[in-house]
Every structure is written in structure tokens, then in C-alpha cells.
């Protein structure tokens, strides 16, 4: 099953444990998952934040604009995340054409 997960909450949020649990459960199910970090969710892209998330079957995306607005650049970025100048376009395309389920957390 193909999932798209949109993460708007920073890793310092009260919901962090739930987000990590959700992603781990989807990996255990063998789901194909794309995770989009938008708004304050881009703080997950800082090196080390995604280490607690099993990445089997997960693809991570973030937008340049959100990262630049928060001063997250260069060596601060996790190598696990693909940075896109047009992340919203990619998100909309994937949601409309490929995803079977979309979750926003």
C-alpha cells in the first residue's frame, strides 16, 4: 500500500512519539511511504532527528523555502532527506496520482 505522510509538527512537539510510532508501524507493514516535512516539520531534517525512525521503505522530502526560512542549511541537513525547490508540486502530484492514503500529522 502507498502512503503519503505530511509532517507539520517539529520533533520537539508533544506528538513526536506518535509520529515516530506511526512511521515505524508503516515500515513493519511493508508499506511504501513518502514523508513530506513542511512548515515547522522541517526541523526533523536536522541531522540526527531521523535516526530514531527506521527508514526501511520510507522516502523523506522537504522544501528549500521552508528550510531557508528557518536557517536550516548545509551541514545541518540529514542525508536521508531529498530537498526540493518545488516540494508542494511533488506532494500534490504524488497525492493525486499515486497515494492510496494520505495522513497529516
Protein backbone atom coordinates (compact mmCIF):
# COMPACT_ATOMS: atom_id res chain seq x y z
CA UNK A 1 0.00 0.00 0.00
CA UNK A 2 1.24 3.50 -0.84
CA UNK A 3 1.08 6.16 1.90
CA UNK A 4 1.90 9.85 1.92
CA UNK A 5 2.55 11.34 5.36
CA UNK A 6 2.74 15.12 5.79
CA UNK A 7 4.56 16.17 8.96
CA UNK A 8 3.85 19.73 10.11
CA UNK A 9 4.96 19.34 13.74
CA UNK A 10 8.59 19.85 14.87
CA UNK A 11 10.40 16.97 16.61
CA UNK A 12 10.07 18.89 19.90
CA UNK A 13 6.26 18.53 19.70
CA UNK A 14 4.17 16.51 22.15
CA UNK A 15 3.15 14.40 19.16
CA UNK A 16 6.69 13.25 18.30
CA UNK A 17 6.30 9.81 19.85
CA UNK A 18 3.08 9.27 17.88
CA UNK A 19 4.72 10.36 14.62
CA UNK A 20 7.68 8.00 15.15
CA UNK A 21 5.33 5.13 16.10
CA UNK A 22 3.19 5.71 13.03
CA UNK A 23 6.19 5.64 10.70
CA UNK A 24 7.59 2.51 12.37
CA UNK A 25 4.22 0.74 12.06
CA UNK A 26 4.01 1.58 8.36
CA UNK A 27 7.53 0.19 7.84
CA UNK A 28 6.56 -3.02 9.71
CA UNK A 29 3.54 -3.38 7.40
CA UNK A 30 5.87 -3.17 4.41
CA UNK A 31 4.13 -0.05 3.13
CA UNK A 32 5.70 2.24 0.55
CA UNK A 33 5.79 5.59 2.37
CA UNK A 34 6.73 9.12 1.32
CA UNK A 35 7.15 11.57 4.20
CA UNK A 36 6.93 15.30 3.48
CA UNK A 37 8.24 17.73 6.10
CA UNK A 38 6.52 21.12 5.72
CA UNK A 39 6.44 24.28 7.83
CA UNK A 40 7.93 23.63 11.27
CA UNK A 41 8.08 19.95 10.34
CA UNK A 42 11.34 20.69 8.52
CA UNK A 43 13.14 20.65 11.88
CA UNK A 44 13.03 16.85 11.50
CA UNK A 45 15.51 17.29 8.64
CA UNK A 46 18.30 18.35 11.02
CA UNK A 47 20.98 15.63 11.25
CA UNK A 48 20.20 13.14 13.99
CA UNK A 49 16.44 13.76 14.25
CA UNK A 50 15.55 10.96 11.85
CA UNK A 51 17.95 8.49 13.47
CA UNK A 52 15.14 7.29 15.74
CA UNK A 53 12.95 6.45 12.74
CA UNK A 54 13.53 3.17 10.91
CA UNK A 55 13.93 4.16 7.30
CA UNK A 56 13.14 0.88 5.54
CA UNK A 57 10.66 1.77 2.83
CA UNK A 58 10.50 5.46 3.81
CA UNK A 59 11.33 8.30 1.45
CA UNK A 60 11.82 11.74 3.01
CA UNK A 61 11.23 15.12 1.31
CA UNK A 62 11.47 18.77 2.40
CA UNK A 63 11.23 22.11 0.64
CA UNK A 64 14.10 24.53 0.17
CA UNK A 65 11.93 27.51 1.09
CA UNK A 66 10.83 26.14 4.46
CA UNK A 67 14.41 25.16 5.29
CA UNK A 68 15.87 28.53 4.30
CA UNK A 69 13.20 30.40 6.27
CA UNK A 70 14.31 28.53 9.39
CA UNK A 71 18.06 28.74 8.74
CA UNK A 72 18.48 25.00 8.22
CA UNK A 73 21.09 24.56 5.50
CA UNK A 74 24.30 22.82 4.51
CA UNK A 75 25.89 20.55 7.07
CA UNK A 76 22.81 20.69 9.31
CA UNK A 77 20.79 18.64 6.82
CA UNK A 78 20.26 14.90 7.12
CA UNK A 79 21.49 12.93 4.13
CA UNK A 80 18.30 10.82 4.29
CA UNK A 81 16.13 13.70 3.01
CA UNK A 82 15.70 14.84 -0.57
CA UNK A 83 15.50 18.65 -0.67
CA UNK A 84 13.23 20.01 -3.41
CA UNK A 85 12.69 23.56 -4.65
CA UNK A 86 9.11 22.63 -5.59
CA UNK A 87 8.13 20.26 -2.79
CA UNK A 88 4.43 21.21 -2.93
CA UNK A 89 4.24 20.32 -6.62
CA UNK A 90 5.77 16.91 -5.89
CA UNK A 91 3.42 16.39 -2.93
CA UNK A 92 0.29 17.25 -4.95
CA UNK A 93 1.36 15.02 -7.83
CA UNK A 94 2.02 12.08 -5.52
CA UNK A 95 -1.23 12.56 -3.59
CA UNK A 96 -3.33 12.81 -6.74
CA UNK A 97 -1.69 10.11 -8.85
CA UNK A 98 -0.04 7.53 -6.59
CA UNK A 99 -1.15 7.61 -2.94
CA UNK A 100 -3.73 5.23 -1.59
CA UNK A 101 -3.82 7.01 1.77
CA UNK A 102 -2.71 10.46 2.96
CA UNK A 103 -2.02 11.27 6.61
CA UNK A 104 -1.21 14.68 8.06
CA UNK A 105 0.44 14.86 11.47
